[in-house]
C-alpha atoms as a PDB file:
ATOM      1  CA  MET A   1      99.450  12.811 -43.012  1.00  0.00           C
ATOM      2  CA  ASN A   2     100.059  16.193 -41.359  1.00  0.00           C
ATOM      3  CA  LEU A   3      97.594  18.379 -39.434  1.00  0.00           C
ATOM      4  CA  LEU A   4      97.128  20.802 -42.321  1.00  0.00           C
ATOM      5  CA  GLN A   5      95.909  18.024 -44.588  1.00  0.00           C
ATOM      6  CA  ILE A   6      93.606  16.767 -41.831  1.00  0.00           C
ATOM      7  CA  PHE A   7      91.939  20.128 -41.143  1.00  0.00           C
ATOM      8  CA  THR A   8      91.694  21.006 -44.824  1.00  0.00           C
ATOM      9  CA  ASP A   9      89.830  17.820 -45.603  1.00  0.00           C
ATOM     10  CA  ILE A  10      86.320  18.785 -46.724  1.00  0.00           C
ATOM     11  CA  PRO A  11      84.318  16.422 -44.455  1.00  0.00           C
ATOM     12  CA  ILE A  12      86.344  17.458 -41.393  1.00  0.00           C
ATOM     13  CA  MET A  13      85.949  21.132 -42.329  1.00  0.00           C
ATOM     14  CA  ILE A  14      82.165  20.657 -42.609  1.00  0.00           C
ATOM     15  CA  VAL A  15      82.062  19.081 -39.139  1.00  0.00           C
ATOM     16  CA  LEU A  16      84.231  21.831 -37.606  1.00  0.00           C
ATOM     17  CA  ILE A  17      82.281  24.673 -39.281  1.00  0.00           C
ATOM     18  CA  THR A  18      78.981  23.190 -38.116  1.00  0.00           C
ATOM     19  CA  PHE A  19      80.345  22.780 -34.582  1.00  0.00           C
ATOM     20  CA  ILE A  20      81.762  26.311 -34.337  1.00  0.00           C
ATOM     21  CA  SER A  21      78.646  27.922 -35.872  1.00  0.00           C
ATOM     22  CA  SER A  22      76.386  26.024 -33.470  1.00  0.00           C
ATOM     23  CA  LEU A  23      78.570  27.020 -30.542  1.00  0.00           C
ATOM     24  CA  ILE A  24      78.419  30.704 -31.517  1.00  0.00           C
ATOM     25  CA  PHE A  25      74.646  30.461 -31.974  1.00  0.00           C
ATOM     26  CA  CYS A  26      74.309  28.865 -28.542  1.00  0.00           C
ATOM     27  CA  VAL A  27      76.409  31.519 -26.802  1.00  0.00           C
ATOM     28  CA  THR A  28      74.613  34.384 -28.564  1.00  0.00           C
ATOM     29  CA  LYS A  29      71.087  33.184 -27.801  1.00  0.00           C
ATOM     30  CA  TYR A  30      71.786  32.212 -24.203  1.00  0.00           C
ATOM     31  CA  ASN A  31      73.388  35.595 -23.512  1.00  0.00           C
ATOM     32  CA  PHE A  32      70.344  37.265 -25.076  1.00  0.00           C
ATOM     33  CA  VAL A  33      67.998  35.317 -22.804  1.00  0.00           C
ATOM     34  CA  ASN A  34      70.187  35.970 -19.763  1.00  0.00           C
ATOM     35  CA  LYS A  35      70.271  39.711 -20.417  1.00  0.00           C
ATOM     36  CA  ASN A  36      66.499  40.027 -20.758  1.00  0.00           C
ATOM     37  CA  LEU A  37      65.773  37.840 -17.729  1.00  0.00           C
ATOM     38  CA  LYS A  38      68.078  39.991 -15.601  1.00  0.00           C
ATOM     39  CA  ILE A  39      66.343  43.156 -16.812  1.00  0.00           C
ATOM     40  CA  PHE A  40      62.972  41.614 -15.992  1.00  0.00           C
ATOM     41  CA  TYR A  41      64.158  40.463 -12.567  1.00  0.00           C
ATOM     42  CA  ASN A  42      65.697  43.827 -11.662  1.00  0.00           C
ATOM     43  CA  PHE A  43      62.459  45.593 -12.543  1.00  0.00           C
ATOM     44  CA  ILE A  44      59.946  43.279 -10.871  1.00  0.00           C
ATOM     45  CA  SER A  45      62.002  42.687  -7.719  1.00  0.00           C
ATOM     46  CA  GLN A  46      61.741  46.344  -6.700  1.00  0.00           C
ATOM     47  CA  TYR A  47      58.001  45.999  -6.034  1.00  0.00           C
ATOM     48  CA  LYS A  48      56.307  44.603  -2.986  1.00  0.00           C
ATOM     49  CA  LYS A  49      52.933  42.975  -2.622  1.00  0.00           C
ATOM     50  CA  SER A  50      51.585  46.053  -0.850  1.00  0.00           C
ATOM     51  CA  ASP A  51      52.639  48.265  -3.796  1.00  0.00           C
ATOM     52  CA  LEU A  52      50.488  46.531  -6.393  1.00  0.00           C
ATOM     53  CA  ASN A  53      47.246  48.401  -5.739  1.00  0.00           C
ATOM     54  CA  PHE A  54      48.635  51.864  -6.437  1.00  0.00           C
ATOM     55  CA  ARG A  55      51.604  51.005  -8.716  1.00  0.00           C
ATOM     56  CA  PHE A  56      49.958  48.460 -10.980  1.00  0.00           C
ATOM     57  CA  LYS A  57      49.634  50.929 -13.867  1.00  0.00           C
ATOM     58  CA  GLU A  58      53.373  51.547 -13.726  1.00  0.00           C
ATOM     59  CA  ILE A  59      54.061  47.801 -13.834  1.00  0.00           C
ATOM     60  CA  ASP A  60      51.569  47.261 -16.634  1.00  0.00           C
ATOM     61  CA  GLU A  61      53.050  49.995 -18.836  1.00  0.00           C
ATOM     62  CA  TRP A  62      56.577  48.603 -18.454  1.00  0.00           C
ATOM     63  CA  MET A  63      55.473  45.041 -19.145  1.00  0.00           C
ATOM     64  CA  MET A  64      53.538  45.998 -22.271  1.00  0.00           C
ATOM     65  CA  SER A  65      56.457  48.047 -23.594  1.00  0.00           C
ATOM     66  CA  ASN A  66      58.891  45.138 -23.192  1.00  0.00           C
ATOM     67  CA  PRO A  67      58.525  42.830 -26.226  1.00  0.00           C
ATOM     68  CA  TYR A  68      60.331  40.012 -24.424  1.00  0.00           C
ATOM     69  CA  ILE A  69      57.549  39.588 -21.865  1.00  0.00           C
ATOM     70  CA  ALA A  70      54.568  41.497 -23.313  1.00  0.00           C
ATOM     71  CA  ASN A  71      52.617  38.513 -24.691  1.00  0.00           C
ATOM     72  CA  ALA A  72      52.894  36.458 -21.510  1.00  0.00           C
ATOM     73  CA  TRP A  73      51.963  39.474 -19.384  1.00  0.00           C
ATOM     74  CA  MET A  74      48.899  40.210 -21.513  1.00  0.00           C
ATOM     75  CA  GLU A  75      47.577  36.682 -20.980  1.00  0.00           C
ATOM     76  CA  PHE A  76      48.467  36.709 -17.294  1.00  0.00           C
ATOM     77  CA  LYS A  77      46.771  40.089 -16.733  1.00  0.00           C
ATOM     78  CA  ASN A  78      43.418  38.621 -17.773  1.00  0.00           C
ATOM     79  CA  THR A  79      43.504  36.310 -14.742  1.00  0.00           C
ATOM     80  CA  LEU A  80      44.102  39.061 -12.168  1.00  0.00           C
ATOM     81  CA  VAL A  81      41.486  39.881  -9.532  1.00  0.00           C
ATOM     82  CA  PHE A  82      41.626  43.446  -8.257  1.00  0.00           C
ATOM     83  CA  SER A  83      40.602  44.581  -4.791  1.00  0.00           C
ATOM     84  CA  GLU A  84      37.444  46.573  -5.515  1.00  0.00           C
ATOM     85  CA  SER A  85      36.005  49.050  -3.012  1.00  0.00           C
ATOM     86  CA  VAL A  86      32.458  50.205  -2.398  1.00  0.00           C
ATOM     87  CA  ALA A  87      31.851  53.842  -1.432  1.00  0.00           C
ATOM     88  CA  LEU A  88      29.515  54.151   1.561  1.00  0.00           C
ATOM     89  CA  LYS A  89      28.193  57.432   2.933  1.00  0.00           C
ATOM     90  CA  GLY A  90      28.433  57.613   6.690  1.00  0.00           C
ATOM     91  CA  GLN A  91      27.608  60.256   9.245  1.00  0.00           C
ATOM     92  CA  ASN A  92      27.943  63.909   8.246  1.00  0.00           C
ATOM     93  CA  ASN A  93      27.951  62.762   4.600  1.00  0.00           C
ATOM     94  CA  HIS A  94      31.516  61.496   4.868  1.00  0.00           C
ATOM     95  CA  LEU A  95      32.418  58.781   2.366  1.00  0.00           C
ATOM     96  CA  THR A  96      33.934  55.585   3.663  1.00  0.00           C
ATOM     97  CA  TYR A  97      35.289  52.767   1.515  1.00  0.00           C
ATOM     98  CA  LYS A  98      34.692  49.101   2.213  1.00  0.00           C
ATOM     99  CA  GLU A  99      36.309  46.189   0.402  1.00  0.00           C
ATOM    100  CA  VAL A 100      34.028  43.915  -1.585  1.00  0.00           C
ATOM    101  CA  SER A 101      35.732  40.785  -0.265  1.00  0.00           C
ATOM    102  CA  SER A 102      37.370  40.347   3.102  1.00  0.00           C
ATOM    103  CA  THR A 103      40.005  37.972   1.689  1.00  0.00           C
ATOM    104  CA  VAL A 104      40.985  39.875  -1.471  1.00  0.00           C
ATOM    105  CA  GLN A 105      42.943  42.784  -0.074  1.00  0.00           C
ATOM    106  CA  ASN A 106      45.363  43.176  -2.972  1.00  0.00           C
ATOM    107  CA  ILE A 107      45.781  42.057  -6.574  1.00  0.00           C
ATOM    108  CA  GLN A 108      45.501  38.296  -6.859  1.00  0.00           C
ATOM    109  CA  THR A 109      45.408  35.798  -9.686  1.00  0.00           C
ATOM    110  CA  THR A 110      43.028  32.934 -10.308  1.00  0.00           C
ATOM    111  CA  VAL A 111      45.722  30.932 -12.154  1.00  0.00           C
ATOM    112  CA  ASP A 112      49.193  29.967 -11.001  1.00  0.00           C
ATOM    113  CA  PRO A 113      51.665  32.566 -12.398  1.00  0.00           C
ATOM    114  CA  LEU A 114      54.054  29.768 -13.373  1.00  0.00           C
ATOM    115  CA  TYR A 115      51.493  28.629 -15.937  1.00  0.00           C
ATOM    116  CA  PHE A 116      52.241  31.780 -17.952  1.00  0.00           C
ATOM    117  CA  PHE A 117      55.837  32.471 -16.894  1.00  0.00           C
ATOM    118  CA  ASP A 118      57.168  28.995 -17.512  1.00  0.00           C
ATOM    119  CA  GLU A 119      60.358  27.748 -19.136  1.00  0.00           C
ATOM    120  CA  GLU A 120      58.891  27.848 -22.614  1.00  0.00           C
ATOM    121  CA  THR A 121      57.627  31.419 -22.290  1.00  0.00           C
ATOM    122  CA  LEU A 122      60.734  32.854 -20.649  1.00  0.00           C
ATOM    123  CA  VAL A 123      63.498  30.866 -22.345  1.00  0.00           C
ATOM    124  CA  THR A 124      62.900  28.274 -25.042  1.00  0.00           C
ATOM    125  CA  SER A 125      60.509  30.351 -27.158  1.00  0.00           C
ATOM    126  CA  LYS A 126      63.111  33.111 -27.535  1.00  0.00           C
ATOM    127  CA  TYR A 127      65.367  31.097 -29.849  1.00  0.00           C
ATOM    128  CA  ASN A 128      65.250  28.007 -32.062  1.00  0.00           C
ATOM    129  CA  TYR A 129      65.115  25.506 -29.230  1.00  0.00           C
ATOM    130  CA  LYS A 130      64.530  22.456 -31.449  1.00  0.00           C
ATOM    131  CA  PHE A 131      67.563  23.273 -33.557  1.00  0.00           C
ATOM    132  CA  MET A 132      69.675  23.667 -30.430  1.00  0.00           C
ATOM    133  CA  GLN A 133      68.636  20.230 -29.238  1.00  0.00           C
ATOM    134  CA  SER A 134      69.324  18.631 -32.618  1.00  0.00           C
ATOM    135  CA  VAL A 135      72.867  20.008 -33.064  1.00  0.00           C
ATOM    136  CA  SER A 136      74.459  17.080 -31.220  1.00  0.00           C
ATOM    137  CA  THR A 137      72.473  14.630 -33.338  1.00  0.00           C
ATOM    138  CA  ILE A 138      73.550  16.388 -36.531  1.00  0.00           C
ATOM    139  CA  LEU A 139      77.208  16.347 -35.501  1.00  0.00           C
ATOM    140  CA  THR A 140      77.020  12.686 -34.532  1.00  0.00           C
ATOM    141  CA  GLY A 141      75.308  11.877 -37.831  1.00  0.00           C
ATOM    142  CA  PHE A 142      78.109  13.541 -39.773  1.00  0.00           C
ATOM    143  CA  GLY A 143      80.514  10.901 -38.418  1.00  0.00           C
ATOM    144  CA  PRO A 144      79.166   7.748 -40.062  1.00  0.00           C
ATOM    145  CA  LEU A 145      77.948   9.730 -43.094  1.00  0.00           C
ATOM    146  CA  PHE A 146      81.370  11.058 -44.087  1.00  0.00           C
ATOM    147  CA  THR A 147      83.154   7.932 -42.867  1.00  0.00           C
ATOM    148  CA  PHE A 148      81.266   5.611 -45.173  1.00  0.00           C
ATOM    149  CA  LEU A 149      81.375   8.211 -47.940  1.00  0.00           C
ATOM    150  CA  ASN A 150      85.176   8.377 -47.748  1.00  0.00           C
ATOM    151  CA  ILE A 151      85.395   4.590 -47.624  1.00  0.00           C
ATOM    152  CA  ALA A 152      83.179   4.269 -50.692  1.00  0.00           C
ATOM    153  CA  ILE A 153      85.236   6.825 -52.587  1.00  0.00           C
ATOM    154  CA  ALA A 154      88.481   5.155 -51.513  1.00  0.00           C
ATOM    155  CA  PHE A 155      87.345   1.703 -52.636  1.00  0.00           C
ATOM    156  CA  GLY A 156      86.309   3.197 -55.959  1.00  0.00           C
ATOM    157  CA  ARG A 157      89.861   4.440 -56.531  1.00  0.00           C
ATOM    158  CA  VAL A 158      91.539   1.060 -56.029  1.00  0.00           C
ATOM    159  CA  ASP A 159      93.278   0.000 -59.256  1.00  0.00           C
ATOM    160  CA  PHE A 160      94.251  -3.644 -59.797  1.00  0.00           C
ATOM    161  CA  SER A 161      95.487  -3.190 -63.348  1.00  0.00           C
ATOM    162  CA  SER A 162      99.158  -3.540 -62.367  1.00  0.00           C
ATOM    163  CA  GLN A 163     101.274  -4.251 -59.338  1.00  0.00           C
ATOM    164  CA  GLU A 164     102.493  -0.678 -59.040  1.00  0.00           C
ATOM    165  CA  ALA A 165      98.961   0.722 -59.471  1.00  0.00           C
ATOM    166  CA  THR A 166      97.658  -1.707 -56.880  1.00  0.00           C
ATOM    167  CA  ILE A 167     100.287  -0.717 -54.313  1.00  0.00           C
ATOM    168  CA  SER A 168      99.684   2.978 -54.987  1.00  0.00           C
ATOM    169  CA  SER A 169      95.884   2.671 -54.757  1.00  0.00           C
ATOM    170  CA  VAL A 170      96.103   0.584 -51.561  1.00  0.00           C
ATOM    171  CA  ALA A 171      98.280   3.291 -50.004  1.00  0.00           C
ATOM    172  CA  GLY A 172      95.650   5.847 -50.988  1.00  0.00           C
ATOM    173  CA  LEU A 173      92.975   3.580 -49.535  1.00  0.00           C
ATOM    174  CA  MET A 174      94.747   3.469 -46.176  1.00  0.00           C
ATOM    175  CA  SER A 175      95.096   7.244 -46.176  1.00  0.00           C
ATOM    176  CA  SER A 176      91.381   7.643 -46.971  1.00  0.00           C
ATOM    177  CA  MET A 177      90.509   5.162 -44.217  1.00  0.00           C
ATOM    178  CA  GLN A 178      92.516   7.249 -41.754  1.00  0.00           C
ATOM    179  CA  VAL A 179      90.623  10.409 -42.789  1.00  0.00           C
ATOM    180  CA  ALA A 180      87.337   8.524 -42.558  1.00  0.00           C
ATOM    181  CA  ALA A 181      88.153   7.444 -39.019  1.00  0.00           C
ATOM    182  CA  LEU A 182      89.187  10.979 -38.064  1.00  0.00           C
ATOM    183  CA  VAL A 183      85.871  12.347 -39.361  1.00  0.00           C
ATOM    184  CA  SER A 184      84.003  10.115 -36.934  1.00  0.00           C
ATOM    185  CA  VAL A 185      86.333  11.129 -34.115  1.00  0.00           C
ATOM    186  CA  PHE A 186      85.838  14.850 -34.793  1.00  0.00           C
ATOM    187  CA  ALA A 187      82.079  14.427 -35.219  1.00  0.00           C
ATOM    188  CA  VAL A 188      81.513  12.432 -32.025  1.00  0.00           C
ATOM    189  CA  GLY A 189      83.998  14.524 -30.043  1.00  0.00           C
ATOM    190  CA  SER A 190      82.434  17.830 -31.084  1.00  0.00           C
ATOM    191  CA  SER A 191      78.983  16.427 -30.329  1.00  0.00           C
ATOM    192  CA  ILE A 192      79.992  15.420 -26.800  1.00  0.00           C
ATOM    193  CA  PHE A 193      81.696  18.771 -26.179  1.00  0.00           C
ATOM    194  CA  PHE A 194      78.652  20.684 -27.453  1.00  0.00           C
ATOM    195  CA  ILE A 195      76.261  18.689 -25.237  1.00  0.00           C
ATOM    196  CA  ILE A 196      78.365  19.350 -22.125  1.00  0.00           C
ATOM    197  CA  TYR A 197      78.826  23.043 -22.886  1.00  0.00           C
ATOM    198  CA  GLU A 198      75.167  23.551 -23.822  1.00  0.00           C
ATOM    199  CA  LYS A 199      73.898  22.002 -20.580  1.00  0.00           C
ATOM    200  CA  ILE A 200      76.273  24.023 -18.413  1.00  0.00           C
ATOM    201  CA  ALA A 201      75.576  27.280 -20.270  1.00  0.00           C
ATOM    202  CA  TYR A 202      71.816  26.678 -20.156  1.00  0.00           C
ATOM    203  CA  ASN A 203      71.832  26.146 -16.395  1.00  0.00           C
ATOM    204  CA  MET A 204      74.057  29.136 -15.716  1.00  0.00           C
ATOM    205  CA  LEU A 205      72.676  31.680 -18.179  1.00  0.00           C
ATOM    206  CA  CYS A 206      69.016  30.680 -18.529  1.00  0.00           C
ATOM    207  CA  ARG A 207      67.660  28.361 -15.864  1.00  0.00           C
ATOM    208  CA  LYS A 208      68.985  30.149 -12.771  1.00  0.00           C
ATOM    209  CA  PRO A 209      67.690  33.638 -13.715  1.00  0.00           C
ATOM    210  CA  MET A 210      64.421  32.028 -14.849  1.00  0.00           C
ATOM    211  CA  TYR A 211      63.932  30.471 -11.398  1.00  0.00           C
ATOM    212  CA  ALA A 212      64.678  33.840  -9.780  1.00  0.00           C
ATOM    213  CA  VAL A 213      62.033  35.546 -11.927  1.00  0.00           C
ATOM    214  CA  GLN A 214      59.471  32.835 -11.184  1.00  0.00           C
ATOM    215  CA  ASN A 215      60.051  33.136  -7.436  1.00  0.00           C
ATOM    216  CA  VAL A 216      59.511  36.906  -7.523  1.00  0.00           C
ATOM    217  CA  ILE A 217      56.326  36.591  -9.583  1.00  0.00           C
ATOM    218  CA  SER A 218      54.953  33.882  -7.287  1.00  0.00           C
ATOM    219  CA  ARG A 219      55.611  35.978  -4.165  1.00  0.00           C
ATOM    220  CA  LEU A 220      54.205  39.139  -5.722  1.00  0.00           C
ATOM    221  CA  PHE A 221      50.827  37.751  -6.813  1.00  0.00           C
ATOM    222  CA  ASP A 222      48.820  35.564  -4.462  1.00  0.00           C
ATOM    223  CA  ASN A 223      46.937  32.735  -6.054  1.00  0.00           C
ATOM    224  CA  ILE A 224      43.225  32.448  -5.326  1.00  0.00           C
ATOM    225  CA  SER A 225      40.839  30.069  -7.014  1.00  0.00           C
ATOM    226  CA  SER A 226      37.981  31.596  -8.973  1.00  0.00           C
ATOM    227  CA  GLU A 227      35.484  29.429  -7.052  1.00  0.00           C
ATOM    228  CA  LYS A 228      36.712  30.774  -3.735  1.00  0.00           C
ATOM    229  CA  PHE A 229      36.498  34.356  -4.922  1.00  0.00           C
ATOM    230  CA  LEU A 230      32.957  33.875  -6.240  1.00  0.00           C
ATOM    231  CA  PHE A 231      31.992  32.360  -2.904  1.00  0.00           C
ATOM    232  CA  GLU A 232      33.380  35.414  -1.127  1.00  0.00           C
ATOM    233  CA  LEU A 233      31.440  37.723  -3.416  1.00  0.00           C
ATOM    234  CA  LEU A 234      28.261  35.722  -2.788  1.00  0.00           C
ATOM    235  CA  ARG A 235      28.780  35.903   0.955  1.00  0.00           C
ATOM    236  CA  GLU A 236      29.384  39.657   0.875  1.00  0.00           C
ATOM    237  CA  THR A 237      26.342  40.125  -1.375  1.00  0.00           C
ATOM    238  CA  LYS A 238      24.144  38.268   1.097  1.00  0.00           C
ATOM    239  CA  ILE A 239      25.440  40.435   3.939  1.00  0.00           C
ATOM    240  CA  GLN A 240      24.708  43.600   1.971  1.00  0.00           C
ATOM    241  CA  ASN A 241      21.239  42.350   0.978  1.00  0.00           C
ATOM    242  CA  ASN A 242      20.440  41.605   4.611  1.00  0.00           C
ATOM    243  CA  ALA A 243      21.516  45.083   5.657  1.00  0.00           C
ATOM    244  CA  LEU A 244      19.466  46.570   2.820  1.00  0.00           C
ATOM    245  CA  GLN A 245      16.356  44.683   3.954  1.00  0.00           C
ATOM    246  CA  HIS A 246      16.756  46.077   7.456  1.00  0.00           C
ATOM    247  CA  ILE A 247      17.044  49.581   6.028  1.00  0.00           C
ATOM    248  CA  ILE A 248      13.930  49.161   3.864  1.00  0.00           C
ATOM    249  CA  SER A 249      11.872  47.721   6.759  1.00  0.00           C
ATOM    250  CA  GLY A 250      12.835  50.630   9.000  1.00  0.00           C
ATOM    251  CA  LEU A 251      12.320  53.266   6.314  1.00  0.00           C
ATOM    252  CA  PRO A 252       8.643  54.143   7.194  1.00  0.00           C
ATOM    253  CA  ASN A 253       9.441  54.637  10.852  1.00  0.00           C
ATOM    254  CA  ASP A 254      12.506  56.681  10.011  1.00  0.00           C
ATOM    255  CA  PHE A 255      10.430  58.773   7.603  1.00  0.00           C
ATOM    256  CA  LYS A 256       7.813  59.412  10.316  1.00  0.00           C
ATOM    257  CA  ILE A 257      10.457  60.432  12.812  1.00  0.00           C
ATOM    258  CA  ALA A 258      12.134  62.666  10.270  1.00  0.00           C
ATOM    259  CA  LEU A 259       8.783  64.302   9.333  1.00  0.00           C
ATOM    260  CA  ASN A 260       7.833  64.934  12.958  1.00  0.00           C
ATOM    261  CA  SER A 261      11.227  66.356  13.762  1.00  0.00           C
ATOM    262  CA  GLY A 262      11.047  68.518  10.638  1.00  0.00           C
ATOM    263  CA  ILE A 263       7.637  69.899  11.578  1.00  0.00           C
ATOM    264  CA  ALA A 264       8.651  70.443  15.188  1.00  0.00           C
ATOM    265  CA  GLY A 265      11.943  71.989  14.268  1.00  0.00           C
ATOM    266  CA  ASN A 266      10.941  74.161  11.289  1.00  0.00           C
ATOM    267  CA  LEU A 267       7.171  74.631  10.893  1.00  0.00           C
ATOM    268  CA  VAL A 268       6.214  75.303  14.571  1.00  0.00           C
ATOM    269  CA  PRO A 269       8.778  78.113  15.091  1.00  0.00           C
ATOM    270  CA  TYR A 270       7.644  79.625  11.795  1.00  0.00           C
ATOM    271  CA  LEU A 271       3.965  79.625  12.889  1.00  0.00           C
ATOM    272  CA  GLU A 272       4.885  81.049  16.280  1.00  0.00           C
ATOM    273  CA  ASN A 273       6.777  83.875  14.607  1.00  0.00           C
ATOM    274  CA  LEU A 274       3.836  84.473  12.269  1.00  0.00           C
ATOM    275  CA  ILE A 275       1.312  84.707  15.166  1.00  0.00           C
ATOM    276  CA  PHE A 276       3.689  86.939  17.092  1.00  0.00           C
ATOM    277  CA  GLY A 277       3.995  89.236  14.095  1.00  0.00           C
ATOM    278  CA  MET A 278       0.209  89.409  13.621  1.00  0.00           C
ATOM    279  CA  ASN A 279      -0.286  90.251  17.285  1.00  0.00           C
ATOM    280  CA  LEU A 280       2.341  92.921  17.094  1.00  0.00           C
ATOM    281  CA  MET A 281       0.748  94.370  13.969  1.00  0.00           C
ATOM    282  CA  ASN A 282      -2.694  94.337  15.679  1.00  0.00           C
ATOM    283  CA  LYS A 283      -1.281  96.199  18.653  1.00  0.00           C
ATOM    284  CA  GLN A 284       0.298  98.828  16.446  1.00  0.00           C
ATOM    285  CA  MET A 285      -2.931  99.318  14.497  1.00  0.00           C
ATOM    286  CA  LYS A 286      -4.860  99.809  17.753  1.00  0.00           C
ATOM    287  CA  GLU A 287      -2.403 102.428  18.856  1.00  0.00           C
ATOM    288  CA  VAL A 288      -2.753 104.202  15.535  1.00  0.00           C
ATOM    289  CA  ALA A 289      -6.538 104.036  15.804  1.00  0.00           C
ATOM    290  CA  LYS A 290      -6.548 105.554  19.278  1.00  0.00           C
ATOM    291  CA  SER A 291      -4.354 108.375  18.218  1.00  0.00           C
ATOM    292  CA  SER A 292      -6.589 109.167  15.260  1.00  0.00           C
ATOM    293  CA  LYS A 293      -9.811 108.493  17.240  1.00  0.00           C
ATOM    294  CA  LYS A 294     -11.099 106.070  14.635  1.00  0.00           C
ATOM    295  CA  ASP A 295     -13.016 103.267  16.300  1.00  0.00           C
ATOM    296  CA  SER A 296     -13.859 101.559  13.038  1.00  0.00           C
ATOM    297  CA  VAL A 297     -10.609  99.692  13.166  1.00  0.00           C
ATOM    298  CA  ASP A 298     -11.363  98.407  16.672  1.00  0.00           C
ATOM    299  CA  GLU A 299     -14.766  97.227  15.566  1.00  0.00           C
ATOM    300  CA  LEU A 300     -13.190  95.531  12.636  1.00  0.00           C
ATOM    301  CA  PHE A 301     -10.890  93.480  14.878  1.00  0.00           C
END
């Protein structure tokens, strides 16, 4: 039996076509994942933790426009805690900004980033992962399936009607048994080769860039528990309430001081100028009265 007859046998062709198609599917999908993970890594690795506060909008727009990572980013964004500032008016009406929490100085997350950017989100959900894992089982299953099918067909063709027919059918039986054995060899061999190649390709093209992306995300966003952040907000609120109570208790005294200083600084000079003006006007009227010899004005004043 030559090689051409072996490779043109239908069961062997089915095994080889399934193996080659699965191999092409594996290479295509893993290259797709590798390409997108590299794009994601190249983008996110250019940012530092100190850049998040003023470049977050830029990051958010890119993430939402990338369909590969948009869904995971949308869920992850809901867990972010931003560093909020309170505007306080100081001396000379200058505004100063104070952070709400002393520990939250940049954008942090209340959930571990790896919960959202895990292997399923970044890799396995981007192709038919279950099919990829079942290819080796399918190839292995083809072996006994076609082997016993060929044996059954071969035994059905055995003819014991005459000596010549028996010898001819037994020769055909042996040939069919050889093909049946080769089907199992091709099926098991292709299954083993696919398992080895798939594991190596997965580690090289998917797992390594995935780990690189996860490391960058973990370094970029600090993880803070929601309970700790609420405790910090409560502590800062108590400090602000205490300061507000001191301001309210000192408000009457400050109002009295401000009123006295306002009267002394504005009203008293105004009254002094008014009295000075009246005296000056009285003097001028007396001079006019003397010149006109009218004493009625003097008697009036």
